[in-house]
Amino acid sequence: MIVAFSISPTTGDDTGSVSEAVAAAVRVVRESGLPNETNSMFTNIEGEWDEVMAVVKRAVEVVAEVSPRVGLVLKADIRAGFTGEMTAKVERVERLLED
């Protein structure tokens, strides 16, 4: 499965910046060892259901340590038996654009 998620912390003046909280969440994802990428809107992660959801949960937890409220937007592409689709899906579109 591929999950695209975005965490939105609400921080007060004394709890640090939004960027710091988001960086902590991205650090959790990168340290997971699962294929991932971060862009300006979402972090994408690929793996099996339980391992991906555990990483998302931990990312939310680290943000909750510094934020009294956390928003989570999550979109999942659940397709059993497929791996490497985070890059393969983009490659298929890029090949079509070359024509």
N, C-alpha and C. Protein backbone atom coordinates (compact mmCIF):
# COMPACT_ATOMS: atom_id res chain seq x y z
N MET A 1 0.83 -1.18 0.00
CA MET A 1 0.00 0.00 0.00
C MET A 1 0.87 1.24 0.00
N ILE A 2 0.32 2.28 -0.55
CA ILE A 2 0.97 3.59 -0.51
C ILE A 2 0.05 4.51 0.28
N VAL A 3 0.64 5.24 1.20
CA VAL A 3 -0.12 6.22 1.97
C VAL A 3 0.51 7.59 1.77
N ALA A 4 -0.32 8.55 1.46
CA ALA A 4 0.09 9.96 1.42
C ALA A 4 -0.57 10.61 2.63
N PHE A 5 0.23 11.24 3.46
CA PHE A 5 -0.36 11.87 4.64
C PHE A 5 0.30 13.21 4.94
N SER A 6 -0.49 14.03 5.61
CA SER A 6 -0.04 15.35 6.02
C SER A 6 -0.45 15.56 7.47
N ILE A 7 0.49 15.99 8.26
CA ILE A 7 0.22 16.27 9.66
C ILE A 7 0.27 17.78 9.86
N SER A 8 -0.76 18.31 10.50
CA SER A 8 -0.84 19.75 10.75
C SER A 8 -0.87 20.01 12.24
N PRO A 9 0.27 20.39 12.81
CA PRO A 9 0.27 20.72 14.24
C PRO A 9 -0.26 22.13 14.47
N THR A 10 -0.87 22.31 15.63
CA THR A 10 -1.25 23.63 16.09
C THR A 10 -0.35 23.91 17.27
N THR A 11 0.53 24.87 17.13
CA THR A 11 1.47 25.15 18.21
C THR A 11 1.26 26.54 18.75
N GLY A 12 1.53 26.70 20.02
CA GLY A 12 1.52 28.01 20.66
C GLY A 12 2.88 28.65 20.51
N ASP A 13 3.00 29.87 20.94
CA ASP A 13 4.27 30.59 20.80
C ASP A 13 5.42 29.90 21.52
N ASP A 14 5.14 29.20 22.61
CA ASP A 14 6.22 28.63 23.40
C ASP A 14 6.49 27.15 23.12
N THR A 15 5.82 26.57 22.13
CA THR A 15 6.00 25.14 21.89
C THR A 15 6.80 24.83 20.64
N GLY A 16 7.35 25.81 19.98
CA GLY A 16 8.15 25.55 18.80
C GLY A 16 7.39 25.85 17.53
N SER A 17 8.10 25.71 16.41
CA SER A 17 7.49 26.06 15.13
C SER A 17 6.81 24.87 14.49
N VAL A 18 5.92 25.17 13.58
CA VAL A 18 5.25 24.13 12.81
C VAL A 18 6.29 23.34 12.02
N SER A 19 7.26 24.01 11.44
CA SER A 19 8.29 23.32 10.66
C SER A 19 9.07 22.32 11.50
N GLU A 20 9.35 22.68 12.74
CA GLU A 20 10.08 21.75 13.62
C GLU A 20 9.24 20.51 13.92
N ALA A 21 7.95 20.70 14.14
CA ALA A 21 7.07 19.56 14.42
C ALA A 21 6.94 18.66 13.19
N VAL A 22 6.80 19.27 12.02
CA VAL A 22 6.71 18.49 10.79
C VAL A 22 8.03 17.75 10.54
N ALA A 23 9.14 18.40 10.79
CA ALA A 23 10.44 17.74 10.62
C ALA A 23 10.57 16.52 11.52
N ALA A 24 10.06 16.62 12.73
CA ALA A 24 10.09 15.47 13.65
C ALA A 24 9.28 14.31 13.08
N ALA A 25 8.13 14.62 12.49
CA ALA A 25 7.30 13.57 11.88
C ALA A 25 8.00 12.94 10.68
N VAL A 26 8.59 13.76 9.84
CA VAL A 26 9.31 13.24 8.66
C VAL A 26 10.50 12.39 9.10
N ARG A 27 11.16 12.79 10.17
CA ARG A 27 12.27 12.00 10.70
C ARG A 27 11.81 10.59 11.06
N VAL A 28 10.65 10.48 11.69
CA VAL A 28 10.09 9.16 12.03
C VAL A 28 9.91 8.33 10.77
N VAL A 29 9.37 8.94 9.74
CA VAL A 29 9.14 8.22 8.48
C VAL A 29 10.46 7.76 7.88
N ARG A 30 11.42 8.64 7.80
CA ARG A 30 12.72 8.29 7.19
C ARG A 30 13.44 7.22 7.98
N GLU A 31 13.34 7.27 9.30
CA GLU A 31 14.00 6.27 10.13
C GLU A 31 13.31 4.91 10.08
N SER A 32 12.10 4.87 9.53
CA SER A 32 11.36 3.60 9.44
C SER A 32 12.00 2.62 8.48
N GLY A 33 12.75 3.13 7.51
CA GLY A 33 13.36 2.26 6.50
C GLY A 33 12.42 1.93 5.35
N LEU A 34 11.16 2.35 5.42
CA LEU A 34 10.23 2.10 4.33
C LEU A 34 10.46 3.12 3.22
N PRO A 35 10.17 2.74 1.97
CA PRO A 35 10.29 3.71 0.88
C PRO A 35 9.39 4.91 1.18
N ASN A 36 9.95 6.11 0.99
CA ASN A 36 9.18 7.31 1.30
C ASN A 36 9.70 8.48 0.50
N GLU A 37 8.88 9.50 0.42
CA GLU A 37 9.27 10.77 -0.19
C GLU A 37 8.41 11.87 0.44
N THR A 38 8.99 13.04 0.52
CA THR A 38 8.28 14.18 1.10
C THR A 38 8.28 15.29 0.07
N ASN A 39 7.12 15.90 -0.11
CA ASN A 39 7.03 17.07 -0.98
C ASN A 39 6.39 18.21 -0.18
N SER A 40 6.04 19.27 -0.83
CA SER A 40 5.56 20.44 -0.10
C SER A 40 4.19 20.24 0.54
N MET A 41 3.47 19.20 0.15
CA MET A 41 2.12 19.00 0.66
C MET A 41 1.94 17.73 1.49
N PHE A 42 2.64 16.66 1.13
CA PHE A 42 2.44 15.36 1.75
C PHE A 42 3.74 14.61 1.92
N THR A 43 3.71 13.62 2.76
CA THR A 43 4.76 12.61 2.83
C THR A 43 4.12 11.31 2.37
N ASN A 44 4.78 10.63 1.45
CA ASN A 44 4.31 9.35 0.93
C ASN A 44 5.17 8.25 1.52
N ILE A 45 4.54 7.14 1.84
CA ILE A 45 5.25 6.00 2.41
C ILE A 45 4.62 4.73 1.86
N GLU A 46 5.46 3.72 1.59
CA GLU A 46 4.96 2.48 1.00
C GLU A 46 5.38 1.28 1.83
N GLY A 47 4.45 0.36 2.00
CA GLY A 47 4.74 -0.88 2.73
C GLY A 47 3.46 -1.63 3.02
N GLU A 48 3.56 -2.57 3.91
CA GLU A 48 2.39 -3.34 4.31
C GLU A 48 1.54 -2.51 5.28
N TRP A 49 0.25 -2.83 5.33
CA TRP A 49 -0.72 -2.06 6.12
C TRP A 49 -0.24 -1.78 7.54
N ASP A 50 0.10 -2.82 8.28
CA ASP A 50 0.46 -2.64 9.69
C ASP A 50 1.71 -1.80 9.87
N GLU A 51 2.71 -2.01 9.02
CA GLU A 51 3.95 -1.26 9.20
C GLU A 51 3.77 0.21 8.81
N VAL A 52 3.02 0.48 7.75
CA VAL A 52 2.78 1.86 7.34
C VAL A 52 1.96 2.60 8.40
N MET A 53 0.89 1.98 8.86
CA MET A 53 0.04 2.64 9.84
C MET A 53 0.77 2.86 11.17
N ALA A 54 1.67 1.95 11.52
CA ALA A 54 2.47 2.15 12.74
C ALA A 54 3.37 3.37 12.61
N VAL A 55 3.93 3.58 11.43
CA VAL A 55 4.79 4.75 11.20
C VAL A 55 3.96 6.03 11.25
N VAL A 56 2.79 6.02 10.61
CA VAL A 56 1.93 7.20 10.64
C VAL A 56 1.53 7.52 12.09
N LYS A 57 1.17 6.50 12.84
CA LYS A 57 0.79 6.71 14.24
C LYS A 57 1.94 7.31 15.03
N ARG A 58 3.14 6.78 14.85
CA ARG A 58 4.30 7.31 15.58
C ARG A 58 4.59 8.76 15.17
N ALA A 59 4.43 9.06 13.88
CA ALA A 59 4.65 10.44 13.40
C ALA A 59 3.66 11.39 14.07
N VAL A 60 2.40 10.98 14.19
CA VAL A 60 1.41 11.80 14.87
C VAL A 60 1.78 11.97 16.34
N GLU A 61 2.24 10.90 16.96
CA GLU A 61 2.61 10.96 18.38
C GLU A 61 3.75 11.94 18.65
N VAL A 62 4.76 11.98 17.76
CA VAL A 62 5.87 12.91 18.01
C VAL A 62 5.42 14.36 17.84
N VAL A 63 4.48 14.59 16.93
CA VAL A 63 3.95 15.94 16.77
C VAL A 63 3.09 16.30 17.98
N ALA A 64 2.33 15.34 18.48
CA ALA A 64 1.47 15.59 19.65
C ALA A 64 2.29 15.91 20.90
N GLU A 65 3.54 15.51 20.92
CA GLU A 65 4.40 15.84 22.06
C GLU A 65 4.64 17.34 22.19
N VAL A 66 4.53 18.07 21.06
CA VAL A 66 4.81 19.51 21.08
C VAL A 66 3.60 20.35 20.66
N SER A 67 2.50 19.70 20.37
CA SER A 67 1.34 20.42 19.88
C SER A 67 0.08 19.95 20.61
N PRO A 68 -0.71 20.88 21.10
CA PRO A 68 -1.91 20.48 21.83
C PRO A 68 -3.00 19.88 20.93
N ARG A 69 -2.86 20.09 19.63
CA ARG A 69 -3.85 19.59 18.68
C ARG A 69 -3.13 19.21 17.39
N VAL A 70 -3.51 18.07 16.81
CA VAL A 70 -2.86 17.58 15.60
C VAL A 70 -3.93 17.21 14.58
N GLY A 71 -3.79 17.73 13.36
CA GLY A 71 -4.67 17.33 12.26
C GLY A 71 -3.94 16.34 11.37
N LEU A 72 -4.67 15.37 10.86
CA LEU A 72 -4.08 14.36 9.99
C LEU A 72 -4.97 14.18 8.76
N VAL A 73 -4.37 14.33 7.58
CA VAL A 73 -5.04 14.01 6.32
C VAL A 73 -4.31 12.81 5.75
N LEU A 74 -5.06 11.78 5.36
CA LEU A 74 -4.45 10.54 4.90
C LEU A 74 -5.21 10.01 3.69
N LYS A 75 -4.46 9.63 2.67
CA LYS A 75 -5.03 8.99 1.49
C LYS A 75 -4.23 7.72 1.25
N ALA A 76 -4.93 6.61 0.99
CA ALA A 76 -4.26 5.33 0.82
C ALA A 76 -4.63 4.69 -0.50
N ASP A 77 -3.63 4.08 -1.14
CA ASP A 77 -3.82 3.26 -2.33
C ASP A 77 -3.52 1.83 -1.88
N ILE A 78 -4.57 1.05 -1.70
CA ILE A 78 -4.42 -0.30 -1.16
C ILE A 78 -4.56 -1.29 -2.32
N ARG A 79 -3.44 -1.93 -2.65
CA ARG A 79 -3.41 -2.83 -3.79
C ARG A 79 -2.54 -4.03 -3.45
N ALA A 80 -3.17 -5.09 -3.02
CA ALA A 80 -2.44 -6.29 -2.57
C ALA A 80 -1.57 -6.86 -3.69
N GLY A 81 -0.39 -7.31 -3.29
CA GLY A 81 0.50 -7.98 -4.23
C GLY A 81 1.40 -7.07 -5.04
N PHE A 82 1.32 -5.78 -4.84
CA PHE A 82 2.15 -4.85 -5.60
C PHE A 82 3.12 -4.14 -4.66
N THR A 83 4.36 -4.02 -5.09
CA THR A 83 5.36 -3.26 -4.36
C THR A 83 6.08 -2.35 -5.35
N GLY A 84 6.75 -1.36 -4.84
CA GLY A 84 7.49 -0.44 -5.71
C GLY A 84 6.60 0.48 -6.52
N GLU A 85 5.34 0.57 -6.17
CA GLU A 85 4.41 1.37 -6.94
C GLU A 85 4.56 2.87 -6.72
N MET A 86 5.20 3.26 -5.64
CA MET A 86 5.38 4.69 -5.38
C MET A 86 6.17 5.34 -6.53
N THR A 87 7.14 4.62 -7.05
CA THR A 87 7.89 5.14 -8.19
C THR A 87 7.35 4.63 -9.52
N ALA A 88 6.86 3.40 -9.54
CA ALA A 88 6.39 2.81 -10.80
C ALA A 88 5.20 3.58 -11.39
N LYS A 89 4.31 4.05 -10.53
CA LYS A 89 3.15 4.80 -11.02
C LYS A 89 3.60 6.07 -11.74
N VAL A 90 4.57 6.75 -11.18
CA VAL A 90 5.09 7.99 -11.79
C VAL A 90 5.82 7.65 -13.09
N GLU A 91 6.60 6.59 -13.08
CA GLU A 91 7.34 6.20 -14.28
C GLU A 91 6.40 5.89 -15.44
N ARG A 92 5.27 5.23 -15.18
CA ARG A 92 4.31 4.93 -16.25
C ARG A 92 3.76 6.22 -16.88
N VAL A 93 3.46 7.20 -16.07
CA VAL A 93 2.95 8.47 -16.59
C VAL A 93 4.05 9.19 -17.35
N GLU A 94 5.26 9.21 -16.83
CA GLU A 94 6.37 9.88 -17.50
C GLU A 94 6.63 9.27 -18.88
N ARG A 95 6.53 7.94 -18.99
CA ARG A 95 6.73 7.29 -20.30
C ARG A 95 5.67 7.77 -21.29
N LEU A 96 4.45 7.90 -20.85
CA LEU A 96 3.39 8.38 -21.73
C LEU A 96 3.61 9.82 -22.15
N LEU A 97 4.19 10.62 -21.27
CA LEU A 97 4.45 12.01 -21.59
C LEU A 97 5.58 12.18 -22.61
N GLU A 98 6.45 11.18 -22.72
CA GLU A 98 7.55 11.23 -23.68
C GLU A 98 7.07 11.10 -25.12
N ASP A 99 5.92 10.50 -25.30
CA ASP A 99 5.40 10.27 -26.67
C ASP A 99 4.92 11.53 -27.31
